[in-house]
Amino acid sequence: MKQDNRVTVAITGASGAPYALRLIQCLLDQDQQVFLLISSAARVVLATEHGMQLPAAPDKAAEQLRKYFSASDDKLQVFGKEEWFSPVASGSSAPGKMVVCPCSTSTLSAIACGSSNTLIERAADVVMKERGQLILVPRESPLSTIHLQNMLQLSQQGVTIMPAAPGFYHKPESIDDLIDFMVARVLDHLGLEQKLVARWGYSKES
């Protein structure tokens, strides 16, 4: 079987836009094809946290992001929230891996109950039903009982819950170091090489 070098990345309205941008850059640097989904709330967060003003139209957003990442048209594709004929909407053509980063608790809830009202929710549902790999990176504190119950339910179905909670044992010297910590963990779980952060007991080059 041909190796699937495609990853769906969804950005939702939780705080943590820099995690998403760094993850996308790392995926592209490893020659992965990124199918990108961006919620309306995520565009607000991107503008607030990163100063990035993305247009609502997917084709315009794709054009801007390809310039930002220096990516080709085939390597970075952006789909709107109701593009039901996009590859990510069907189990017959969707990538087997998906990361929601950051993942809002609203999106977490929708995925947990299988609502599929937006393309992000549908794409996550497809990955789960096809027994693919779904990684959620929630960023919320404190967590309510409802949040924890949703996480438990998804974890029991094989979803990886990876809260945006960077460690400090690598002695971070900047915000970028903290961002890299989380992105490195996501890349590890995707089975991709990373030299952003040294693994415990090893040097960064190991």
Protein backbone atom coordinates (compact mmCIF):
# COMPACT_ATOMS: atom_id res chain seq x y z
CA MET A 1 0.00 0.00 0.00
CA LYS A 2 1.27 3.46 -0.88
CA GLN A 3 2.29 5.50 2.15
CA ASP A 4 -0.22 8.23 2.98
CA ASN A 5 1.73 11.45 3.46
CA ARG A 6 -1.41 13.47 4.05
CA VAL A 7 -2.50 15.03 7.32
CA THR A 8 -5.67 16.96 8.06
CA VAL A 9 -5.06 19.90 10.40
CA ALA A 10 -7.96 21.78 11.95
CA ILE A 11 -7.59 25.08 13.79
CA THR A 12 -10.43 26.02 16.11
CA GLY A 13 -11.22 28.92 18.41
CA ALA A 14 -9.19 27.96 21.49
CA SER A 15 -6.14 30.00 22.41
CA GLY A 16 -2.96 28.56 20.93
CA ALA A 17 -2.77 29.64 17.28
CA PRO A 18 1.08 29.64 17.35
CA TYR A 19 0.99 25.88 18.00
CA ALA A 20 -1.01 25.36 14.82
CA LEU A 21 1.21 27.52 12.63
CA ARG A 22 4.37 25.83 13.86
CA LEU A 23 2.86 22.39 13.38
CA ILE A 24 1.83 23.17 9.81
CA GLN A 25 5.31 24.47 9.00
CA CYS A 26 6.92 21.32 10.41
CA LEU A 27 4.56 19.07 8.46
CA LEU A 28 5.28 20.90 5.23
CA ASP A 29 9.02 20.76 5.93
CA GLN A 30 8.67 16.96 6.08
CA ASP A 31 6.94 16.89 2.70
CA GLN A 32 3.52 16.12 4.17
CA GLN A 33 0.43 17.26 2.29
CA VAL A 34 -1.68 19.36 4.63
CA PHE A 35 -5.45 19.62 4.31
CA LEU A 36 -6.27 22.65 6.44
CA LEU A 37 -9.62 23.48 8.05
CA ILE A 38 -10.08 26.78 9.89
CA SER A 39 -13.13 27.71 11.93
CA SER A 40 -14.54 31.24 12.03
CA ALA A 41 -13.47 31.58 15.67
CA ALA A 42 -9.97 30.40 14.74
CA ARG A 43 -9.59 33.32 12.34
CA VAL A 44 -10.34 35.67 15.25
CA VAL A 45 -7.74 33.92 17.41
CA LEU A 46 -5.15 34.01 14.63
CA ALA A 47 -5.66 37.76 14.29
CA THR A 48 -5.51 38.30 18.06
CA GLU A 49 -2.54 36.07 18.89
CA HIS A 50 -0.49 36.25 15.72
CA GLY A 51 -1.65 39.35 13.87
CA MET A 52 -2.68 37.18 10.92
CA GLN A 53 -5.79 38.44 9.16
CA LEU A 54 -7.19 35.57 7.12
CA PRO A 55 -10.04 36.11 4.66
CA ALA A 56 -13.13 33.95 5.07
CA ALA A 57 -13.00 32.65 1.50
CA PRO A 58 -11.00 29.38 1.49
CA ASP A 59 -9.25 30.12 -1.81
CA LYS A 60 -8.11 33.54 -0.60
CA ALA A 61 -7.00 32.10 2.74
CA ALA A 62 -5.10 29.36 0.92
CA GLU A 63 -3.31 31.90 -1.25
CA GLN A 64 -2.21 33.91 1.79
CA LEU A 65 -1.11 30.86 3.76
CA ARG A 66 0.86 29.38 0.87
CA LYS A 67 2.86 32.58 0.72
CA TYR A 68 3.32 32.56 4.49
CA PHE A 69 4.62 28.97 4.52
CA SER A 70 6.27 29.10 1.08
CA ALA A 71 4.16 26.08 0.16
CA SER A 72 2.99 24.87 -3.23
CA ASP A 73 -0.66 24.58 -4.18
CA ASP A 74 -0.66 20.78 -3.92
CA LYS A 75 1.05 20.68 -0.51
CA LEU A 76 -1.31 23.03 1.31
CA GLN A 77 -5.04 22.98 0.62
CA VAL A 78 -7.64 24.92 2.58
CA PHE A 79 -11.29 23.88 2.74
CA GLY A 80 -14.33 25.84 3.90
CA LYS A 81 -16.56 24.72 6.75
CA GLU A 82 -19.24 23.41 4.37
CA GLU A 83 -17.16 21.93 1.55
CA TRP A 84 -18.83 18.55 1.81
CA PHE A 85 -17.25 17.32 -1.43
CA SER A 86 -13.70 17.81 -0.12
CA PRO A 87 -11.55 14.68 0.44
CA VAL A 88 -11.70 14.99 4.24
CA ALA A 89 -15.49 14.54 4.24
CA SER A 90 -15.44 10.94 3.03
CA GLY A 91 -13.89 7.79 4.40
CA SER A 92 -12.99 6.73 0.86
CA SER A 93 -10.52 9.58 0.38
CA ALA A 94 -9.73 11.30 3.70
CA PRO A 95 -6.23 11.22 5.18
CA GLY A 96 -5.82 8.64 7.91
CA LYS A 97 -4.37 11.21 10.31
CA MET A 98 -5.93 14.36 11.71
CA VAL A 99 -4.83 16.90 14.33
CA VAL A 100 -7.14 19.51 15.83
CA CYS A 101 -4.75 22.13 17.18
CA PRO A 102 -5.78 24.00 19.19
CA CYS A 103 -9.04 22.23 19.97
CA SER A 104 -11.77 24.28 21.62
CA THR A 105 -14.00 22.61 24.19
CA SER A 106 -16.92 23.30 21.86
CA THR A 107 -15.25 21.31 19.08
CA LEU A 108 -14.30 18.64 21.59
CA SER A 109 -17.95 18.30 22.60
CA ALA A 110 -19.17 18.19 18.99
CA ILE A 111 -16.67 15.47 18.08
CA ALA A 112 -17.57 13.47 21.18
CA CYS A 113 -21.26 13.41 20.25
CA GLY A 114 -20.68 12.96 16.50
CA SER A 115 -22.66 16.03 15.46
CA SER A 116 -20.80 16.65 12.16
CA ASN A 117 -22.39 20.06 11.61
CA THR A 118 -19.21 21.54 10.16
CA LEU A 119 -16.44 20.09 8.00
CA ILE A 120 -14.08 20.01 10.98
CA GLU A 121 -16.53 17.88 12.94
CA ARG A 122 -17.27 15.67 9.93
CA ALA A 123 -13.55 15.18 9.18
CA ALA A 124 -12.92 14.10 12.77
CA ASP A 125 -15.90 11.75 12.62
CA VAL A 126 -14.55 10.22 9.41
CA VAL A 127 -11.13 9.57 10.92
CA MET A 128 -12.72 7.92 13.95
CA LYS A 129 -15.11 5.71 11.99
CA GLU A 130 -12.32 4.63 9.64
CA ARG A 131 -10.14 3.75 12.66
CA GLY A 132 -7.57 6.39 11.76
CA GLN A 133 -5.47 8.55 14.06
CA LEU A 134 -7.09 11.59 15.65
CA ILE A 135 -5.12 13.90 17.94
CA LEU A 136 -6.87 16.68 19.85
CA VAL A 137 -4.87 19.49 21.48
CA PRO A 138 -7.28 21.20 23.90
CA ARG A 139 -6.25 24.44 25.58
CA GLU A 140 -8.55 25.29 28.46
CA SER A 141 -8.16 25.76 32.21
CA PRO A 142 -9.70 24.78 34.51
CA LEU A 143 -11.49 21.82 32.97
CA SER A 144 -15.11 21.20 33.91
CA THR A 145 -16.55 17.76 34.55
CA ILE A 146 -18.22 17.96 31.13
CA HIS A 147 -14.87 18.63 29.44
CA LEU A 148 -13.27 15.72 31.26
CA GLN A 149 -16.15 13.38 30.44
CA ASN A 150 -15.90 14.29 26.75
CA MET A 151 -12.15 13.66 26.82
CA LEU A 152 -12.62 10.31 28.53
CA GLN A 153 -15.27 9.25 26.05
CA LEU A 154 -13.02 10.12 23.11
CA SER A 155 -9.95 8.53 24.70
CA GLN A 156 -11.88 5.30 25.16
CA GLN A 157 -12.53 5.35 21.40
CA GLY A 158 -8.84 5.62 20.59
CA VAL A 159 -8.51 9.39 20.24
CA THR A 160 -5.29 10.90 21.58
CA ILE A 161 -5.98 13.77 23.97
CA MET A 162 -2.89 15.95 24.19
CA PRO A 163 -3.56 19.12 26.24
CA ALA A 164 -1.39 22.11 25.36
CA ALA A 165 0.67 21.78 28.54
CA PRO A 166 4.36 22.14 27.66
CA GLY A 167 7.01 20.77 30.00
CA PHE A 168 10.02 22.62 31.34
CA TYR A 169 12.65 19.88 31.68
CA HIS A 170 14.20 20.96 28.37
CA LYS A 171 14.95 24.35 29.97
CA PRO A 172 12.99 26.58 27.58
CA GLU A 173 14.43 30.03 26.98
CA SER A 174 11.61 31.49 24.91
CA ILE A 175 7.94 31.14 24.05
CA ASP A 176 9.05 29.45 20.83
CA ASP A 177 10.73 26.73 22.90
CA LEU A 178 7.43 26.07 24.69
CA ILE A 179 5.58 25.93 21.38
CA ASP A 180 8.15 23.52 19.97
CA PHE A 181 7.70 21.23 22.96
CA MET A 182 4.04 20.63 22.13
CA VAL A 183 4.59 20.44 18.38
CA ALA A 184 7.35 17.89 18.94
CA ARG A 185 4.97 15.69 20.93
CA VAL A 186 2.37 15.86 18.15
CA LEU A 187 4.99 14.93 15.54
CA ASP A 188 6.12 12.03 17.73
CA HIS A 189 2.60 10.65 17.83
CA LEU A 190 2.21 11.09 14.08
CA GLY A 191 5.30 8.94 13.64
CA LEU A 192 7.31 11.76 12.10
CA GLU A 193 10.91 12.69 12.83
CA GLN A 194 11.49 15.74 14.95
CA LYS A 195 14.55 17.49 16.32
CA LEU A 196 12.72 20.36 17.94
CA VAL A 197 13.10 19.04 21.48
CA ALA A 198 15.43 16.39 22.87
CA ARG A 199 13.75 13.25 24.14
CA TRP A 200 14.21 12.47 27.81
CA GLY A 201 17.72 11.11 28.38
CA TYR A 202 18.98 12.02 24.91
CA SER A 203 20.58 14.99 23.22
CA LYS A 204 18.60 17.04 20.72
CA GLU A 205 20.45 15.38 17.83
CA SER A 206 19.81 11.81 19.01
